[in-house]
Amino acid sequence: MSIWQLSATELLEQFRRGAASPVEATEAALGRIDALDVKVNAFCLVDAERAL
């Protein structure tokens, strides 16, 4: 399962165990936005630089 598929609860558990980091989760989310937003046009603004 990819990190972007995890629920908030599952992400928190991954963070606590050191299996993932918030930066990794953010990068995964930004990657999904890049891949899908052309089709769904769900975001007016994505400030990837400030997100990281």
PDB file of N, CA and C in Angstrom:
ATOM      1  N   MET A   1       0.848  -1.172   0.000  1.00  0.00           N
ATOM      2  CA  MET A   1       0.000   0.000   0.000  1.00  0.00           C
ATOM      3  C   MET A   1       0.899   1.243   0.000  1.00  0.00           C
ATOM      4  N   SER A   2       0.581   2.168  -0.849  1.00  0.00           N
ATOM      5  CA  SER A   2       1.353   3.411  -0.928  1.00  0.00           C
ATOM      6  C   SER A   2       0.971   4.351   0.204  1.00  0.00           C
ATOM      7  N   ILE A   3       1.893   5.216   0.563  1.00  0.00           N
ATOM      8  CA  ILE A   3       1.672   6.120   1.688  1.00  0.00           C
ATOM      9  C   ILE A   3       0.459   7.017   1.462  1.00  0.00           C
ATOM     10  N   TRP A   4       0.186   7.401   0.212  1.00  0.00           N
ATOM     11  CA  TRP A   4      -0.957   8.270  -0.061  1.00  0.00           C
ATOM     12  C   TRP A   4      -2.289   7.553   0.124  1.00  0.00           C
ATOM     13  N   GLN A   5      -2.274   6.242   0.244  1.00  0.00           N
ATOM     14  CA  GLN A   5      -3.493   5.464   0.433  1.00  0.00           C
ATOM     15  C   GLN A   5      -3.847   5.272   1.906  1.00  0.00           C
ATOM     16  N   LEU A   6      -2.982   5.673   2.806  1.00  0.00           N
ATOM     17  CA  LEU A   6      -3.210   5.464   4.231  1.00  0.00           C
ATOM     18  C   LEU A   6      -4.180   6.491   4.796  1.00  0.00           C
ATOM     19  N   SER A   7      -4.940   6.073   5.797  1.00  0.00           N
ATOM     20  CA  SER A   7      -5.808   7.007   6.517  1.00  0.00           C
ATOM     21  C   SER A   7      -4.953   7.852   7.456  1.00  0.00           C
ATOM     22  N   ALA A   8      -5.541   8.881   8.022  1.00  0.00           N
ATOM     23  CA  ALA A   8      -4.813   9.726   8.966  1.00  0.00           C
ATOM     24  C   ALA A   8      -4.336   8.911  10.168  1.00  0.00           C
ATOM     25  N   THR A   9      -5.165   8.004  10.635  1.00  0.00           N
ATOM     26  CA  THR A   9      -4.791   7.154  11.770  1.00  0.00           C
ATOM     27  C   THR A   9      -3.619   6.249  11.409  1.00  0.00           C
ATOM     28  N   GLU A  10      -3.664   5.676  10.227  1.00  0.00           N
ATOM     29  CA  GLU A  10      -2.576   4.810   9.774  1.00  0.00           C
ATOM     30  C   GLU A  10      -1.287   5.605   9.575  1.00  0.00           C
ATOM     31  N   LEU A  11      -1.410   6.818   9.033  1.00  0.00           N
ATOM     32  CA  LEU A  11      -0.230   7.670   8.875  1.00  0.00           C
ATOM     33  C   LEU A  11       0.407   7.972  10.220  1.00  0.00           C
ATOM     34  N   LEU A  12      -0.413   8.326  11.187  1.00  0.00           N
ATOM     35  CA  LEU A  12       0.107   8.632  12.521  1.00  0.00           C
ATOM     36  C   LEU A  12       0.869   7.446  13.096  1.00  0.00           C
ATOM     37  N   GLU A  13       0.344   6.255  12.915  1.00  0.00           N
ATOM     38  CA  GLU A  13       1.030   5.052  13.397  1.00  0.00           C
ATOM     39  C   GLU A  13       2.365   4.869  12.677  1.00  0.00           C
ATOM     40  N   GLN A  14       2.395   5.103  11.384  1.00  0.00           N
ATOM     41  CA  GLN A  14       3.644   5.008  10.622  1.00  0.00           C
ATOM     42  C   GLN A  14       4.661   6.034  11.130  1.00  0.00           C
ATOM     43  N   PHE A  15       4.203   7.246  11.413  1.00  0.00           N
ATOM     44  CA  PHE A  15       5.091   8.288  11.938  1.00  0.00           C
ATOM     45  C   PHE A  15       5.661   7.868  13.292  1.00  0.00           C
ATOM     46  N   ARG A  16       4.810   7.354  14.155  1.00  0.00           N
ATOM     47  CA  ARG A  16       5.248   6.950  15.502  1.00  0.00           C
ATOM     48  C   ARG A  16       6.272   5.820  15.454  1.00  0.00           C
ATOM     49  N   ARG A  17       6.103   4.905  14.507  1.00  0.00           N
ATOM     50  CA  ARG A  17       7.029   3.777  14.370  1.00  0.00           C
ATOM     51  C   ARG A  17       8.293   4.153  13.618  1.00  0.00           C
ATOM     52  N   GLY A  18       8.298   5.315  12.991  1.00  0.00           N
ATOM     53  CA  GLY A  18       9.453   5.726  12.201  1.00  0.00           C
ATOM     54  C   GLY A  18       9.479   5.106  10.817  1.00  0.00           C
ATOM     55  N   ALA A  19       8.366   4.501  10.419  1.00  0.00           N
ATOM     56  CA  ALA A  19       8.285   3.860   9.110  1.00  0.00           C
ATOM     57  C   ALA A  19       8.033   4.859   7.991  1.00  0.00           C
ATOM     58  N   ALA A  20       7.569   6.041   8.351  1.00  0.00           N
ATOM     59  CA  ALA A  20       7.322   7.108   7.377  1.00  0.00           C
ATOM     60  C   ALA A  20       7.474   8.433   8.103  1.00  0.00           C
ATOM     61  N   SER A  21       7.650   9.481   7.322  1.00  0.00           N
ATOM     62  CA  SER A  21       7.774  10.816   7.910  1.00  0.00           C
ATOM     63  C   SER A  21       6.710  11.732   7.308  1.00  0.00           C
ATOM     64  N   PRO A  22       6.394  12.822   7.994  1.00  0.00           N
ATOM     65  CA  PRO A  22       5.457  13.790   7.431  1.00  0.00           C
ATOM     66  C   PRO A  22       5.927  14.335   6.078  1.00  0.00           C
ATOM     67  N   VAL A  23       7.229  14.483   5.911  1.00  0.00           N
ATOM     68  CA  VAL A  23       7.750  14.961   4.622  1.00  0.00           C
ATOM     69  C   VAL A  23       7.437  13.942   3.526  1.00  0.00           C
ATOM     70  N   GLU A  24       7.629  12.669   3.812  1.00  0.00           N
ATOM     71  CA  GLU A  24       7.312  11.629   2.827  1.00  0.00           C
ATOM     72  C   GLU A  24       5.824  11.636   2.481  1.00  0.00           C
ATOM     73  N   ALA A  25       4.982  11.810   3.489  1.00  0.00           N
ATOM     74  CA  ALA A  25       3.538  11.846   3.252  1.00  0.00           C
ATOM     75  C   ALA A  25       3.162  13.054   2.399  1.00  0.00           C
ATOM     76  N   THR A  26       3.770  14.192   2.683  1.00  0.00           N
ATOM     77  CA  THR A  26       3.500  15.404   1.908  1.00  0.00           C
ATOM     78  C   THR A  26       3.967  15.246   0.473  1.00  0.00           C
ATOM     79  N   GLU A  27       5.156  14.693   0.290  1.00  0.00           N
ATOM     80  CA  GLU A  27       5.665  14.464  -1.067  1.00  0.00           C
ATOM     81  C   GLU A  27       4.758  13.514  -1.844  1.00  0.00           C
ATOM     82  N   ALA A  28       4.248  12.493  -1.173  1.00  0.00           N
ATOM     83  CA  ALA A  28       3.342  11.550  -1.830  1.00  0.00           C
ATOM     84  C   ALA A  28       2.040  12.241  -2.229  1.00  0.00           C
ATOM     85  N   ALA A  29       1.511  13.067  -1.344  1.00  0.00           N
ATOM     86  CA  ALA A  29       0.278  13.794  -1.654  1.00  0.00           C
ATOM     87  C   ALA A  29       0.493  14.755  -2.820  1.00  0.00           C
ATOM     88  N   LEU A  30       1.608  15.450  -2.819  1.00  0.00           N
ATOM     89  CA  LEU A  30       1.913  16.371  -3.917  1.00  0.00           C
ATOM     90  C   LEU A  30       2.080  15.620  -5.235  1.00  0.00           C
ATOM     91  N   GLY A  31       2.661  14.441  -5.172  1.00  0.00           N
ATOM     92  CA  GLY A  31       2.800  13.618  -6.366  1.00  0.00           C
ATOM     93  C   GLY A  31       1.455  13.206  -6.937  1.00  0.00           C
ATOM     94  N   ARG A  32       0.537  12.850  -6.063  1.00  0.00           N
ATOM     95  CA  ARG A  32      -0.811  12.487  -6.508  1.00  0.00           C
ATOM     96  C   ARG A  32      -1.527  13.689  -7.108  1.00  0.00           C
ATOM     97  N   ILE A  33      -1.355  14.841  -6.493  1.00  0.00           N
ATOM     98  CA  ILE A  33      -1.960  16.056  -7.043  1.00  0.00           C
ATOM     99  C   ILE A  33      -1.420  16.304  -8.443  1.00  0.00           C
ATOM    100  N   ASP A  34      -0.107  16.215  -8.602  1.00  0.00           N
ATOM    101  CA  ASP A  34       0.505  16.419  -9.925  1.00  0.00           C
ATOM    102  C   ASP A  34      -0.038  15.430 -10.953  1.00  0.00           C
ATOM    103  N   ALA A  35      -0.228  14.200 -10.523  1.00  0.00           N
ATOM    104  CA  ALA A  35      -0.664  13.159 -11.449  1.00  0.00           C
ATOM    105  C   ALA A  35      -2.137  13.277 -11.839  1.00  0.00           C
ATOM    106  N   LEU A  36      -2.971  13.741 -10.917  1.00  0.00           N
ATOM    107  CA  LEU A  36      -4.412  13.683 -11.151  1.00  0.00           C
ATOM    108  C   LEU A  36      -5.103  15.015 -11.373  1.00  0.00           C
ATOM    109  N   ASP A  37      -4.503  16.101 -10.940  1.00  0.00           N
ATOM    110  CA  ASP A  37      -5.237  17.368 -10.977  1.00  0.00           C
ATOM    111  C   ASP A  37      -5.512  17.857 -12.392  1.00  0.00           C
ATOM    112  N   VAL A  38      -4.723  17.449 -13.347  1.00  0.00           N
ATOM    113  CA  VAL A  38      -4.992  17.831 -14.741  1.00  0.00           C
ATOM    114  C   VAL A  38      -6.372  17.311 -15.159  1.00  0.00           C
ATOM    115  N   LYS A  39      -6.734  16.128 -14.674  1.00  0.00           N
ATOM    116  CA  LYS A  39      -8.018  15.512 -15.031  1.00  0.00           C
ATOM    117  C   LYS A  39      -9.176  16.043 -14.188  1.00  0.00           C
ATOM    118  N   VAL A  40      -8.951  16.225 -12.887  1.00  0.00           N
ATOM    119  CA  VAL A  40     -10.060  16.569 -11.992  1.00  0.00           C
ATOM    120  C   VAL A  40     -10.144  18.055 -11.659  1.00  0.00           C
ATOM    121  N   ASN A  41      -9.063  18.786 -11.855  1.00  0.00           N
ATOM    122  CA  ASN A  41      -9.028  20.227 -11.613  1.00  0.00           C
ATOM    123  C   ASN A  41      -9.616  20.585 -10.242  1.00  0.00           C
ATOM    124  N   ALA A  42      -9.142  19.920  -9.201  1.00  0.00           N
ATOM    125  CA  ALA A  42      -9.676  20.100  -7.860  1.00  0.00           C
ATOM    126  C   ALA A  42      -8.984  21.205  -7.067  1.00  0.00           C
ATOM    127  N   PHE A  43      -7.822  21.646  -7.505  1.00  0.00           N
ATOM    128  CA  PHE A  43      -7.049  22.623  -6.746  1.00  0.00           C
ATOM    129  C   PHE A  43      -6.877  23.911  -7.536  1.00  0.00           C
ATOM    130  N   CYS A  44      -7.111  25.035  -6.863  1.00  0.00           N
ATOM    131  CA  CYS A  44      -6.851  26.347  -7.474  1.00  0.00           C
ATOM    132  C   CYS A  44      -5.379  26.705  -7.343  1.00  0.00           C
ATOM    133  N   LEU A  45      -4.787  26.307  -6.222  1.00  0.00           N
ATOM    134  CA  LEU A  45      -3.393  26.636  -5.942  1.00  0.00           C
ATOM    135  C   LEU A  45      -2.757  25.492  -5.168  1.00  0.00           C
ATOM    136  N   VAL A  46      -1.598  25.084  -5.584  1.00  0.00           N
ATOM    137  CA  VAL A  46      -0.802  24.103  -4.848  1.00  0.00           C
ATOM    138  C   VAL A  46       0.556  24.745  -4.623  1.00  0.00           C
ATOM    139  N   ASP A  47       0.857  25.040  -3.372  1.00  0.00           N
ATOM    140  CA  ASP A  47       2.128  25.677  -3.023  1.00  0.00           C
ATOM    141  C   ASP A  47       3.062  24.611  -2.460  1.00  0.00           C
ATOM    142  N   ALA A  48       3.608  23.802  -3.345  1.00  0.00           N
ATOM    143  CA  ALA A  48       4.444  22.672  -2.944  1.00  0.00           C
ATOM    144  C   ALA A  48       5.666  23.125  -2.156  1.00  0.00           C
ATOM    145  N   GLU A  49       6.246  24.226  -2.548  1.00  0.00           N
ATOM    146  CA  GLU A  49       7.446  24.721  -1.866  1.00  0.00           C
ATOM    147  C   GLU A  49       7.159  25.026  -0.395  1.00  0.00           C
ATOM    148  N   ARG A  50       6.066  25.690  -0.130  1.00  0.00           N
ATOM    149  CA  ARG A  50       5.720  26.017   1.260  1.00  0.00           C
ATOM    150  C   ARG A  50       5.213  24.800   2.026  1.00  0.00           C
ATOM    151  N   ALA A  51       4.635  23.841   1.322  1.00  0.00           N
ATOM    152  CA  ALA A  51       4.137  22.628   1.979  1.00  0.00           C
ATOM    153  C   ALA A  51       5.280  21.823   2.574  1.00  0.00           C
ATOM    154  N   LEU A  52       6.425  21.872   1.905  1.00  0.00           N
ATOM    155  CA  LEU A  52       7.577  21.112   2.372  1.00  0.00           C
ATOM    156  C   LEU A  52       8.435  21.968   3.265  1.00  0.00           C
TER     157      LEU A  52
END
